[in-house]
Amino acid sequence: MSEIHVCSVDALPSGEGLRVEAEPAVAVFHVGDAFYAVADMCTHATASMSEGYVDDDATVECPVHAARFCLKSGRALCLPATEALRTFPIVIRDGEVYVDMGADALSEAAE
């Protein structure tokens, strides 16, 4: 398992995102009681998803062209994006947030 330390649970407020330098770069979001990790680069245009608008329904809006993605599945929810974001499992251990880069989970849009 290849885990990358992100921050402490308390360091990332709910409704916020944080870019994690990795290969590939990852955006970590805190929504309510959950944390999510997706590839930081929008699948439609060159934009950092960590700078996007996070909604309470666990979606994030790209800061460039307003494409929306589900943080749970990575699924593209509206145009102009049509490709899903890659997702990564989050591990919470001893009050610290980690991204499991070894899981290599690419989420495809269901249906």
Protein backbone atom coordinates (compact mmCIF):
# COMPACT_ATOMS: atom_id res chain seq x y z
CA MET A 1 0.00 0.00 0.00
CA SER A 2 1.42 3.38 -1.02
CA GLU A 3 -0.07 6.00 1.27
CA ILE A 4 0.65 9.72 1.09
CA HIS A 5 0.07 11.88 4.16
CA VAL A 6 -2.30 14.78 3.45
CA CYS A 7 -2.97 16.57 6.75
CA SER A 8 -4.63 16.14 10.10
CA VAL A 9 -8.41 15.69 10.07
CA ASP A 10 -8.84 19.09 11.74
CA ALA A 11 -6.61 20.94 9.25
CA LEU A 12 -9.04 20.65 6.33
CA PRO A 13 -12.40 22.30 7.09
CA SER A 14 -15.59 20.81 5.69
CA GLY A 15 -16.40 22.27 2.29
CA GLU A 16 -12.74 22.80 1.39
CA GLY A 17 -10.26 21.11 -0.93
CA LEU A 18 -6.50 20.69 -0.84
CA ARG A 19 -4.02 19.82 -3.61
CA VAL A 20 -1.55 17.05 -2.77
CA GLU A 21 1.62 16.89 -4.83
CA ALA A 22 1.94 13.31 -6.03
CA GLU A 23 2.10 11.46 -9.33
CA PRO A 24 -0.57 12.19 -10.38
CA ALA A 25 -1.50 15.24 -8.27
CA VAL A 26 -4.54 14.57 -6.08
CA ALA A 27 -7.30 16.83 -4.78
CA VAL A 28 -8.57 15.90 -1.31
CA PHE A 29 -11.94 17.22 -0.15
CA HIS A 30 -13.70 17.26 3.21
CA VAL A 31 -17.50 17.17 2.95
CA GLY A 32 -19.50 16.73 6.15
CA ASP A 33 -18.02 13.72 7.93
CA ALA A 34 -16.29 12.26 4.86
CA PHE A 35 -13.07 12.80 2.95
CA TYR A 36 -12.67 12.14 -0.79
CA ALA A 37 -9.69 12.05 -3.14
CA VAL A 38 -9.76 12.51 -6.91
CA ALA A 39 -7.21 13.31 -9.60
CA ASP A 40 -6.56 17.03 -9.34
CA MET A 41 -6.63 17.75 -13.09
CA CYS A 42 -10.07 18.27 -14.65
CA THR A 43 -10.72 15.77 -17.46
CA HIS A 44 -12.05 18.54 -19.70
CA ALA A 45 -9.53 21.37 -19.36
CA THR A 46 -6.33 22.25 -17.56
CA ALA A 47 -7.68 23.21 -14.15
CA SER A 48 -6.95 22.22 -10.56
CA MET A 49 -10.03 20.55 -9.09
CA SER A 50 -8.80 21.45 -5.59
CA GLU A 51 -9.67 25.07 -6.48
CA GLY A 52 -13.22 24.16 -7.46
CA TYR A 53 -16.48 24.87 -5.64
CA VAL A 54 -17.40 22.02 -3.25
CA ASP A 55 -21.09 21.38 -2.60
CA ASP A 56 -22.73 19.63 0.36
CA ASP A 57 -23.91 16.83 -1.95
CA ALA A 58 -20.26 15.67 -2.38
CA THR A 59 -19.77 17.23 -5.80
CA VAL A 60 -17.11 19.62 -7.02
CA GLU A 61 -17.39 22.17 -9.80
CA CYS A 62 -14.38 22.81 -12.03
CA PRO A 63 -13.16 26.39 -11.55
CA VAL A 64 -12.67 26.92 -15.32
CA HIS A 65 -15.74 25.68 -17.22
CA ALA A 66 -18.14 24.68 -14.42
CA ALA A 67 -18.14 20.96 -15.17
CA ARG A 68 -19.36 19.07 -12.09
CA PHE A 69 -18.05 15.77 -10.75
CA CYS A 70 -19.24 13.35 -8.06
CA LEU A 71 -16.53 13.06 -5.41
CA LYS A 72 -17.69 9.56 -4.45
CA SER A 73 -17.39 7.99 -7.91
CA GLY A 74 -15.49 10.58 -9.95
CA ARG A 75 -18.34 10.58 -12.46
CA ALA A 76 -18.73 13.62 -14.73
CA LEU A 77 -22.21 15.00 -14.02
CA CYS A 78 -22.56 17.65 -16.72
CA LEU A 79 -20.98 19.09 -19.83
CA PRO A 80 -18.47 20.12 -20.87
CA ALA A 81 -16.80 17.19 -19.04
CA THR A 82 -17.62 13.68 -20.24
CA GLU A 83 -14.80 11.64 -18.66
CA ALA A 84 -14.75 10.60 -15.00
CA LEU A 85 -12.05 11.74 -12.60
CA ARG A 86 -9.81 9.04 -11.17
CA THR A 87 -10.65 8.40 -7.52
CA PHE A 88 -8.43 7.21 -4.67
CA PRO A 89 -9.31 5.67 -1.30
CA ILE A 90 -8.84 7.80 1.80
CA VAL A 91 -7.39 6.31 4.97
CA ILE A 92 -7.96 8.01 8.34
CA ARG A 93 -5.52 6.82 10.99
CA ASP A 94 -4.76 8.41 14.35
CA GLY A 95 -6.47 11.65 13.35
CA GLU A 96 -4.45 11.97 10.13
CA VAL A 97 -5.67 11.82 6.52
CA TYR A 98 -3.84 9.71 3.93
CA VAL A 99 -4.48 8.96 0.25
CA ASP A 100 -3.92 5.36 -0.85
CA MET A 101 -2.15 5.84 -4.19
CA GLY A 102 -1.56 2.12 -4.60
CA ALA A 103 -5.25 1.34 -4.96
CA ASP A 104 -5.18 2.78 -8.49
CA ALA A 105 -8.98 2.98 -8.67
CA LEU A 106 -10.23 4.63 -11.83
CA SER A 107 -13.91 5.32 -11.48
CA GLU A 108 -15.97 5.11 -14.64
CA ALA A 109 -19.38 6.69 -14.98
CA ALA A 110 -21.96 4.08 -14.06
CA GLU A 111 -24.75 3.18 -16.45
